[in-house]
Amino acid sequence: VIDTLSAAKSDAQSALHILQLLKTTDMIWPSDEFG
């Protein structure tokens, strides 16, 4: 997710798809990656 979102400027479409995934995903994120 982080890698895809970080490349949003050059690949906005993939970022949009990942954002859609995040909206519908209910989970506890690993603390070392949350920031």
PDB file of all heavy atoms in Angstrom:
ATOM      1  N   VAL A   1       0.835  -1.210   0.000  1.00  0.00           N
ATOM      2  CA  VAL A   1       0.000   0.000   0.000  1.00  0.00           C
ATOM      3  C   VAL A   1       0.864   1.252   0.000  1.00  0.00           C
ATOM      4  O   VAL A   1       0.648   2.184  -0.787  1.00  0.00           O
ATOM      5  CB  VAL A   1      -0.942   0.000   1.220  1.00  0.00           C
ATOM      6  CG1 VAL A   1      -1.611   1.363   1.382  1.00  0.00           C
ATOM      7  CG2 VAL A   1      -1.999  -1.093   1.075  1.00  0.00           C
ATOM      8  N   ILE A   2       1.871   1.286   0.870  1.00  0.00           N
ATOM      9  CA  ILE A   2       2.738   2.465   0.971  1.00  0.00           C
ATOM     10  C   ILE A   2       3.475   2.707  -0.348  1.00  0.00           C
ATOM     11  O   ILE A   2       3.544   3.842  -0.838  1.00  0.00           O
ATOM     12  CB  ILE A   2       3.742   2.290   2.131  1.00  0.00           C
ATOM     13  CG1 ILE A   2       3.002   2.323   3.470  1.00  0.00           C
ATOM     14  CG2 ILE A   2       4.812   3.387   2.093  1.00  0.00           C
ATOM     15  CD1 ILE A   2       3.850   1.856   4.640  1.00  0.00           C
ATOM     16  N   ASP A   3       4.019   1.652  -0.930  1.00  0.00           N
ATOM     17  CA  ASP A   3       4.753   1.788  -2.204  1.00  0.00           C
ATOM     18  C   ASP A   3       3.827   2.292  -3.310  1.00  0.00           C
ATOM     19  O   ASP A   3       4.224   3.138  -4.123  1.00  0.00           O
ATOM     20  CB  ASP A   3       5.366   0.448  -2.612  1.00  0.00           C
ATOM     21  CG  ASP A   3       6.513   0.027  -1.710  1.00  0.00           C
ATOM     22  OD1 ASP A   3       7.010   0.889  -0.952  1.00  0.00           O
ATOM     23  OD2 ASP A   3       6.891  -1.166  -1.743  1.00  0.00           O
ATOM     24  N   THR A   4       2.597   1.772  -3.350  1.00  0.00           N
ATOM     25  CA  THR A   4       1.649   2.184  -4.396  1.00  0.00           C
ATOM     26  C   THR A   4       1.228   3.635  -4.219  1.00  0.00           C
ATOM     27  O   THR A   4       1.174   4.401  -5.190  1.00  0.00           O
ATOM     28  CB  THR A   4       0.405   1.275  -4.390  1.00  0.00           C
ATOM     29  OG1 THR A   4       0.809  -0.095  -4.537  1.00  0.00           O
ATOM     30  CG2 THR A   4      -0.539   1.631  -5.532  1.00  0.00           C
ATOM     31  N   LEU A   5       0.938   4.024  -2.977  1.00  0.00           N
ATOM     32  CA  LEU A   5       0.508   5.398  -2.718  1.00  0.00           C
ATOM     33  C   LEU A   5       1.645   6.384  -2.940  1.00  0.00           C
ATOM     34  O   LEU A   5       1.415   7.516  -3.387  1.00  0.00           O
ATOM     35  CB  LEU A   5      -0.026   5.528  -1.284  1.00  0.00           C
ATOM     36  CG  LEU A   5      -1.294   4.737  -0.961  1.00  0.00           C
ATOM     37  CD1 LEU A   5      -1.717   5.001   0.488  1.00  0.00           C
ATOM     38  CD2 LEU A   5      -2.431   5.094  -1.919  1.00  0.00           C
ATOM     39  N   SER A   6       2.860   5.961  -2.643  1.00  0.00           N
ATOM     40  CA  SER A   6       4.018   6.853  -2.829  1.00  0.00           C
ATOM     41  C   SER A   6       4.262   7.152  -4.300  1.00  0.00           C
ATOM     42  O   SER A   6       4.903   8.161  -4.639  1.00  0.00           O
ATOM     43  CB  SER A   6       5.272   6.226  -2.206  1.00  0.00           C
ATOM     44  OG  SER A   6       5.108   6.048  -0.809  1.00  0.00           O
ATOM     45  N   ALA A   7       3.761   6.287  -5.170  1.00  0.00           N
ATOM     46  CA  ALA A   7       3.927   6.488  -6.623  1.00  0.00           C
ATOM     47  C   ALA A   7       2.684   7.090  -7.258  1.00  0.00           C
ATOM     48  O   ALA A   7       2.520   7.042  -8.478  1.00  0.00           O
ATOM     49  CB  ALA A   7       4.263   5.150  -7.281  1.00  0.00           C
ATOM     50  N   ALA A   8       1.808   7.668  -6.431  1.00  0.00           N
ATOM     51  CA  ALA A   8       0.516   8.182  -6.927  1.00  0.00           C
ATOM     52  C   ALA A   8       0.669   9.262  -7.992  1.00  0.00           C
ATOM     53  O   ALA A   8      -0.148   9.363  -8.911  1.00  0.00           O
ATOM     54  CB  ALA A   8      -0.313   8.715  -5.762  1.00  0.00           C
ATOM     55  N   LYS A   9       1.712  10.056  -7.890  1.00  0.00           N
ATOM     56  CA  LYS A   9       1.893  11.142  -8.850  1.00  0.00           C
ATOM     57  C   LYS A   9       2.090  10.608 -10.263  1.00  0.00           C
ATOM     58  O   LYS A   9       1.618  11.213 -11.243  1.00  0.00           O
ATOM     59  CB  LYS A   9       3.091  12.007  -8.441  1.00  0.00           C
ATOM     60  CG  LYS A   9       3.179  13.330  -9.194  1.00  0.00           C
ATOM     61  CD  LYS A   9       4.232  14.231  -8.581  1.00  0.00           C
ATOM     62  CE  LYS A   9       4.260  15.587  -9.293  1.00  0.00           C
ATOM     63  NZ  LYS A   9       5.264  16.498  -8.679  1.00  0.00           N
ATOM     64  N   SER A  10       2.761   9.464 -10.384  1.00  0.00           N
ATOM     65  CA  SER A  10       3.016   8.882 -11.702  1.00  0.00           C
ATOM     66  C   SER A  10       2.009   7.792 -12.073  1.00  0.00           C
ATOM     67  O   SER A  10       1.859   7.446 -13.244  1.00  0.00           O
ATOM     68  CB  SER A  10       4.430   8.297 -11.758  1.00  0.00           C
ATOM     69  OG  SER A  10       4.604   7.313 -10.752  1.00  0.00           O
ATOM     70  N   ASP A  11       1.316   7.250 -11.069  1.00  0.00           N
ATOM     71  CA  ASP A  11       0.329   6.183 -11.327  1.00  0.00           C
ATOM     72  C   ASP A  11      -0.878   6.397 -10.418  1.00  0.00           C
ATOM     73  O   ASP A  11      -1.087   5.658  -9.449  1.00  0.00           O
ATOM     74  CB  ASP A  11       0.968   4.810 -11.084  1.00  0.00           C
ATOM     75  CG  ASP A  11       0.052   3.656 -11.506  1.00  0.00           C
ATOM     76  OD1 ASP A  11      -1.061   3.926 -11.999  1.00  0.00           O
ATOM     77  OD2 ASP A  11       0.444   2.490 -11.326  1.00  0.00           O
ATOM     78  N   ALA A  12      -1.660   7.408 -10.756  1.00  0.00           N
ATOM     79  CA  ALA A  12      -2.817   7.763  -9.935  1.00  0.00           C
ATOM     80  C   ALA A  12      -3.879   6.665  -9.935  1.00  0.00           C
ATOM     81  O   ALA A  12      -4.584   6.474  -8.949  1.00  0.00           O
ATOM     82  CB  ALA A  12      -3.426   9.076 -10.425  1.00  0.00           C
ATOM     83  N   GLN A  13      -3.976   5.920 -11.054  1.00  0.00           N
ATOM     84  CA  GLN A  13      -5.012   4.898 -11.161  1.00  0.00           C
ATOM     85  C   GLN A  13      -4.812   3.788 -10.129  1.00  0.00           C
ATOM     86  O   GLN A  13      -5.756   3.385  -9.442  1.00  0.00           O
ATOM     87  CB  GLN A  13      -5.025   4.307 -12.573  1.00  0.00           C
ATOM     88  CG  GLN A  13      -6.327   3.606 -12.946  1.00  0.00           C
ATOM     89  CD  GLN A  13      -7.526   4.539 -12.947  1.00  0.00           C
ATOM     90  OE1 GLN A  13      -7.476   5.604 -13.530  1.00  0.00           O
ATOM     91  NE2 GLN A  13      -8.585   4.149 -12.271  1.00  0.00           N
ATOM     92  N   SER A  14      -3.591   3.303 -10.009  1.00  0.00           N
ATOM     93  CA  SER A  14      -3.314   2.255  -9.023  1.00  0.00           C
ATOM     94  C   SER A  14      -3.536   2.771  -7.605  1.00  0.00           C
ATOM     95  O   SER A  14      -4.037   2.046  -6.736  1.00  0.00           O
ATOM     96  CB  SER A  14      -1.879   1.745  -9.166  1.00  0.00           C
ATOM     97  OG  SER A  14      -1.725   1.025 -10.379  1.00  0.00           O
ATOM     98  N   ALA A  15      -3.165   4.030  -7.371  1.00  0.00           N
ATOM     99  CA  ALA A  15      -3.385   4.629  -6.052  1.00  0.00           C
ATOM    100  C   ALA A  15      -4.872   4.683  -5.717  1.00  0.00           C
ATOM    101  O   ALA A  15      -5.281   4.390  -4.584  1.00  0.00           O
ATOM    102  CB  ALA A  15      -2.779   6.035  -6.002  1.00  0.00           C
ATOM    103  N   LEU A  16      -5.688   5.031  -6.703  1.00  0.00           N
ATOM    104  CA  LEU A  16      -7.140   5.064  -6.489  1.00  0.00           C
ATOM    105  C   LEU A  16      -7.670   3.684  -6.123  1.00  0.00           C
ATOM    106  O   LEU A  16      -8.520   3.551  -5.227  1.00  0.00           O
ATOM    107  CB  LEU A  16      -7.849   5.578  -7.747  1.00  0.00           C
ATOM    108  CG  LEU A  16      -7.781   7.077  -8.013  1.00  0.00           C
ATOM    109  CD1 LEU A  16      -8.336   7.401  -9.401  1.00  0.00           C
ATOM    110  CD2 LEU A  16      -8.558   7.840  -6.949  1.00  0.00           C
ATOM    111  N   HIS A  17      -7.173   2.664  -6.803  1.00  0.00           N
ATOM    112  CA  HIS A  17      -7.626   1.305  -6.516  1.00  0.00           C
ATOM    113  C   HIS A  17      -7.240   0.893  -5.092  1.00  0.00           C
ATOM    114  O   HIS A  17      -8.022   0.248  -4.389  1.00  0.00           O
ATOM    115  CB  HIS A  17      -7.035   0.319  -7.524  1.00  0.00           C
ATOM    116  CG  HIS A  17      -7.457   0.564  -8.936  1.00  0.00           C
ATOM    117  ND1 HIS A  17      -8.691   1.099  -9.262  1.00  0.00           N
ATOM    118  CD2 HIS A  17      -6.815   0.340 -10.124  1.00  0.00           C
ATOM    119  CE1 HIS A  17      -8.795   1.190 -10.577  1.00  0.00           C
ATOM    120  NE2 HIS A  17      -7.674   0.743 -11.115  1.00  0.00           N
ATOM    121  N   ILE A  18      -6.034   1.270  -4.677  1.00  0.00           N
ATOM    122  CA  ILE A  18      -5.578   0.926  -3.332  1.00  0.00           C
ATOM    123  C   ILE A  18      -6.379   1.685  -2.281  1.00  0.00           C
ATOM    124  O   ILE A  18      -6.709   1.152  -1.212  1.00  0.00           O
ATOM    125  CB  ILE A  18      -4.065   1.217  -3.183  1.00  0.00           C
ATOM    126  CG1 ILE A  18      -3.260   0.124  -3.873  1.00  0.00           C
ATOM    127  CG2 ILE A  18      -3.659   1.309  -1.717  1.00  0.00           C
ATOM    128  CD1 ILE A  18      -3.449  -1.270  -3.282  1.00  0.00           C
ATOM    129  N   LEU A  19      -6.714   2.928  -2.563  1.00  0.00           N
ATOM    130  CA  LEU A  19      -7.539   3.711  -1.626  1.00  0.00           C
ATOM    131  C   LEU A  19      -8.916   3.058  -1.462  1.00  0.00           C
ATOM    132  O   LEU A  19      -9.476   3.038  -0.360  1.00  0.00           O
ATOM    133  CB  LEU A  19      -7.688   5.147  -2.131  1.00  0.00           C
ATOM    134  CG  LEU A  19      -6.427   6.007  -2.049  1.00  0.00           C
ATOM    135  CD1 LEU A  19      -6.641   7.346  -2.757  1.00  0.00           C
ATOM    136  CD2 LEU A  19      -6.027   6.245  -0.597  1.00  0.00           C
ATOM    137  N   GLN A  20      -9.441   2.541  -2.561  1.00  0.00           N
ATOM    138  CA  GLN A  20     -10.725   1.841  -2.498  1.00  0.00           C
ATOM    139  C   GLN A  20     -10.601   0.595  -1.616  1.00  0.00           C
ATOM    140  O   GLN A  20     -11.501   0.284  -0.826  1.00  0.00           O
ATOM    141  CB  GLN A  20     -11.162   1.437  -3.914  1.00  0.00           C
ATOM    142  CG  GLN A  20     -12.613   0.988  -4.021  1.00  0.00           C
ATOM    143  CD  GLN A  20     -13.595   2.102  -3.715  1.00  0.00           C
ATOM    144  OE1 GLN A  20     -13.441   3.223  -4.197  1.00  0.00           O
ATOM    145  NE2 GLN A  20     -14.583   1.806  -2.892  1.00  0.00           N
ATOM    146  N   LEU A  21      -9.486  -0.098  -1.740  1.00  0.00           N
ATOM    147  CA  LEU A  21      -9.240  -1.270  -0.896  1.00  0.00           C
ATOM    148  C   LEU A  21      -9.162  -0.874   0.574  1.00  0.00           C
ATOM    149  O   LEU A  21      -9.755  -1.539   1.443  1.00  0.00           O
ATOM    150  CB  LEU A  21      -7.938  -1.949  -1.328  1.00  0.00           C
ATOM    151  CG  LEU A  21      -7.448  -3.115  -0.455  1.00  0.00           C
ATOM    152  CD1 LEU A  21      -8.424  -4.279  -0.512  1.00  0.00           C
ATOM    153  CD2 LEU A  21      -6.051  -3.567  -0.899  1.00  0.00           C
ATOM    154  N   LEU A  22      -8.453   0.200   0.867  1.00  0.00           N
ATOM    155  CA  LEU A  22      -8.314   0.657   2.248  1.00  0.00           C
ATOM    156  C   LEU A  22      -9.658   1.023   2.872  1.00  0.00           C
ATOM    157  O   LEU A  22      -9.900   0.764   4.054  1.00  0.00           O
ATOM    158  CB  LEU A  22      -7.370   1.869   2.317  1.00  0.00           C
ATOM    159  CG  LEU A  22      -5.893   1.616   2.060  1.00  0.00           C
ATOM    160  CD1 LEU A  22      -5.116   2.923   2.099  1.00  0.00           C
ATOM    161  CD2 LEU A  22      -5.325   0.639   3.082  1.00  0.00           C
ATOM    162  N   LYS A  23     -10.520   1.615   2.076  1.00  0.00           N
ATOM    163  CA  LYS A  23     -11.845   2.019   2.570  1.00  0.00           C
ATOM    164  C   LYS A  23     -12.643   0.837   3.102  1.00  0.00           C
ATOM    165  O   LYS A  23     -13.434   0.980   4.031  1.00  0.00           O
ATOM    166  CB  LYS A  23     -12.653   2.685   1.449  1.00  0.00           C
ATOM    167  CG  LYS A  23     -12.405   4.156   1.231  1.00  0.00           C
ATOM    168  CD  LYS A  23     -13.276   4.665   0.094  1.00  0.00           C
ATOM    169  CE  LYS A  23     -14.750   4.404   0.349  1.00  0.00           C
ATOM    170  NZ  LYS A  23     -15.591   4.883  -0.785  1.00  0.00           N
ATOM    171  N   THR A  24     -12.453  -0.320   2.475  1.00  0.00           N
ATOM    172  CA  THR A  24     -13.290  -1.477   2.791  1.00  0.00           C
ATOM    173  C   THR A  24     -12.568  -2.531   3.640  1.00  0.00           C
ATOM    174  O   THR A  24     -13.118  -3.613   3.868  1.00  0.00           O
ATOM    175  CB  THR A  24     -13.779  -2.148   1.495  1.00  0.00           C
ATOM    176  OG1 THR A  24     -12.647  -2.538   0.699  1.00  0.00           O
ATOM    177  CG2 THR A  24     -14.631  -1.183   0.677  1.00  0.00           C
ATOM    178  N   THR A  25     -11.359  -2.202   4.111  1.00  0.00           N
ATOM    179  CA  THR A  25     -10.576  -3.190   4.861  1.00  0.00           C
ATOM    180  C   THR A  25     -10.538  -2.832   6.340  1.00  0.00           C
ATOM    181  O   THR A  25     -10.083  -1.756   6.714  1.00  0.00           O
ATOM    182  CB  THR A  25      -9.139  -3.276   4.309  1.00  0.00           C
ATOM    183  OG1 THR A  25      -9.187  -3.655   2.932  1.00  0.00           O
ATOM    184  CG2 THR A  25      -8.334  -4.308   5.083  1.00  0.00           C
ATOM    185  N   ASP A  26     -11.023  -3.744   7.155  1.00  0.00           N
ATOM    186  CA  ASP A  26     -11.053  -3.555   8.606  1.00  0.00           C
ATOM    187  C   ASP A  26      -9.986  -4.446   9.226  1.00  0.00           C
ATOM    188  O   ASP A  26     -10.158  -5.664   9.320  1.00  0.00           O
ATOM    189  CB  ASP A  26     -12.438  -3.920   9.149  1.00  0.00           C
ATOM    190  CG  ASP A  26     -12.536  -3.730  10.655  1.00  0.00           C
ATOM    191  OD1 ASP A  26     -11.669  -3.033  11.212  1.00  0.00           O
ATOM    192  OD2 ASP A  26     -13.475  -4.286  11.267  1.00  0.00           O
ATOM    193  N   MET A  27      -8.871  -3.847   9.613  1.00  0.00           N
ATOM    194  CA  MET A  27      -7.757  -4.629  10.157  1.00  0.00           C
ATOM    195  C   MET A  27      -6.913  -3.763  11.077  1.00  0.00           C
ATOM    196  O   MET A  27      -7.036  -2.531  11.096  1.00  0.00           O
ATOM    197  CB  MET A  27      -6.864  -5.153   9.015  1.00  0.00           C
ATOM    198  CG  MET A  27      -6.209  -4.041   8.212  1.00  0.00           C
ATOM    199  SD  MET A  27      -5.071  -4.632   6.934  1.00  0.00           S
ATOM    200  CE  MET A  27      -3.644  -5.103   7.922  1.00  0.00           C
ATOM    201  N   ILE A  28      -6.083  -4.416  11.867  1.00  0.00           N
ATOM    202  CA  ILE A  28      -5.106  -3.710  12.702  1.00  0.00           C
ATOM    203  C   ILE A  28      -3.796  -3.679  11.923  1.00  0.00           C
ATOM    204  O   ILE A  28      -3.263  -4.722  11.541  1.00  0.00           O
ATOM    205  CB  ILE A  28      -4.906  -4.423  14.050  1.00  0.00           C
ATOM    206  CG1 ILE A  28      -6.227  -4.436  14.840  1.00  0.00           C
ATOM    207  CG2 ILE A  28      -3.809  -3.731  14.867  1.00  0.00           C
ATOM    208  CD1 ILE A  28      -6.151  -5.209  16.138  1.00  0.00           C
ATOM    209  N   TRP A  29      -3.291  -2.475  11.696  1.00  0.00           N
ATOM    210  CA  TRP A  29      -2.063  -2.319  10.913  1.00  0.00           C
ATOM    211  C   TRP A  29      -0.843  -2.523  11.802  1.00  0.00           C
ATOM    212  O   TRP A  29      -0.877  -2.209  12.995  1.00  0.00           O
ATOM    213  CB  TRP A  29      -2.028  -0.927  10.279  1.00  0.00           C
ATOM    214  CG  TRP A  29      -3.100  -0.750   9.259  1.00  0.00           C
ATOM    215  CD1 TRP A  29      -4.363  -0.283   9.472  1.00  0.00           C
ATOM    216  CD2 TRP A  29      -3.023  -1.074   7.867  1.00  0.00           C
ATOM    217  NE1 TRP A  29      -5.087  -0.304   8.300  1.00  0.00           N
ATOM    218  CE2 TRP A  29      -4.290  -0.779   7.301  1.00  0.00           C
ATOM    219  CE3 TRP A  29      -2.028  -1.579   7.040  1.00  0.00           C
ATOM    220  CZ2 TRP A  29      -4.571  -0.977   5.947  1.00  0.00           C
ATOM    221  CZ3 TRP A  29      -2.297  -1.779   5.699  1.00  0.00           C
ATOM    222  CH2 TRP A  29      -3.554  -1.476   5.170  1.00  0.00           C
ATOM    223  N   PRO A  30       0.252  -3.036  11.272  1.00  0.00           N
ATOM    224  CA  PRO A  30       1.471  -3.230  12.080  1.00  0.00           C
ATOM    225  C   PRO A  30       1.995  -1.880  12.568  1.00  0.00           C
ATOM    226  O   PRO A  30       2.086  -0.927  11.790  1.00  0.00           O
ATOM    227  CB  PRO A  30       2.442  -3.905  11.107  1.00  0.00           C
ATOM    228  CG  PRO A  30       1.909  -3.618   9.737  1.00  0.00           C
ATOM    229  CD  PRO A  30       0.431  -3.498   9.876  1.00  0.00           C
ATOM    230  N   SER A  31       2.326  -1.806  13.831  1.00  0.00           N
ATOM    231  CA  SER A  31       2.710  -0.533  14.435  1.00  0.00           C
ATOM    232  C   SER A  31       3.943   0.080  13.784  1.00  0.00           C
ATOM    233  O   SER A  31       4.048   1.303  13.671  1.00  0.00           O
ATOM    234  CB  SER A  31       2.954  -0.719  15.937  1.00  0.00           C
ATOM    235  OG  SER A  31       3.943  -1.713  16.163  1.00  0.00           O
ATOM    236  N   ASP A  32       4.888  -0.756  13.310  1.00  0.00           N
ATOM    237  CA  ASP A  32       6.116  -0.207  12.738  1.00  0.00           C
ATOM    238  C   ASP A  32       5.919   0.365  11.338  1.00  0.00           C
ATOM    239  O   ASP A  32       6.815   1.004  10.792  1.00  0.00           O
ATOM    240  CB  ASP A  32       7.229  -1.256  12.725  1.00  0.00           C
ATOM    241  CG  ASP A  32       6.854  -2.504  11.939  1.00  0.00           C
ATOM    242  OD1 ASP A  32       5.637  -2.742  11.764  1.00  0.00           O
ATOM    243  OD2 ASP A  32       7.751  -3.225  11.507  1.00  0.00           O
ATOM    244  N   GLU A  33       4.752   0.119  10.731  1.00  0.00           N
ATOM    245  CA  GLU A  33       4.464   0.660   9.401  1.00  0.00           C
ATOM    246  C   GLU A  33       3.352   1.704   9.438  1.00  0.00           C
ATOM    247  O   GLU A  33       3.107   2.374   8.430  1.00  0.00           O
ATOM    248  CB  GLU A  33       4.040  -0.468   8.445  1.00  0.00           C
ATOM    249  CG  GLU A  33       5.091  -1.518   8.177  1.00  0.00           C
ATOM    250  CD  GLU A  33       6.201  -1.042   7.248  1.00  0.00           C
ATOM    251  OE1 GLU A  33       6.186   0.148   6.874  1.00  0.00           O
ATOM    252  OE2 GLU A  33       7.079  -1.856   6.900  1.00  0.00           O
ATOM    253  N   PHE A  34       2.712   1.861  10.586  1.00  0.00           N
ATOM    254  CA  PHE A  34       1.531   2.714  10.637  1.00  0.00           C
ATOM    255  C   PHE A  34       1.869   4.175  10.345  1.00  0.00           C
ATOM    256  O   PHE A  34       1.138   4.869   9.622  1.00  0.00           O
ATOM    257  CB  PHE A  34       0.848   2.609  12.010  1.00  0.00           C
ATOM    258  CG  PHE A  34      -0.537   3.186  12.032  1.00  0.00           C
ATOM    259  CD1 PHE A  34      -1.624   2.440  11.599  1.00  0.00           C
ATOM    260  CD2 PHE A  34      -0.760   4.482  12.459  1.00  0.00           C
ATOM    261  CE1 PHE A  34      -2.901   2.963  11.603  1.00  0.00           C
ATOM    262  CE2 PHE A  34      -2.037   5.023  12.464  1.00  0.00           C
ATOM    263  CZ  PHE A  34      -3.110   4.260  12.039  1.00  0.00           C
ATOM    264  N   GLY A  35       2.975   4.655  10.897  1.00  0.00           N
ATOM    265  CA  GLY A  35       3.370   6.039  10.660  1.00  0.00           C
ATOM    266  C   GLY A  35       3.633   6.306   9.184  1.00  0.00           C
ATOM    267  O   GLY A  35       3.183   7.325   8.633  1.00  0.00           O
TER     268      GLY A  35
END
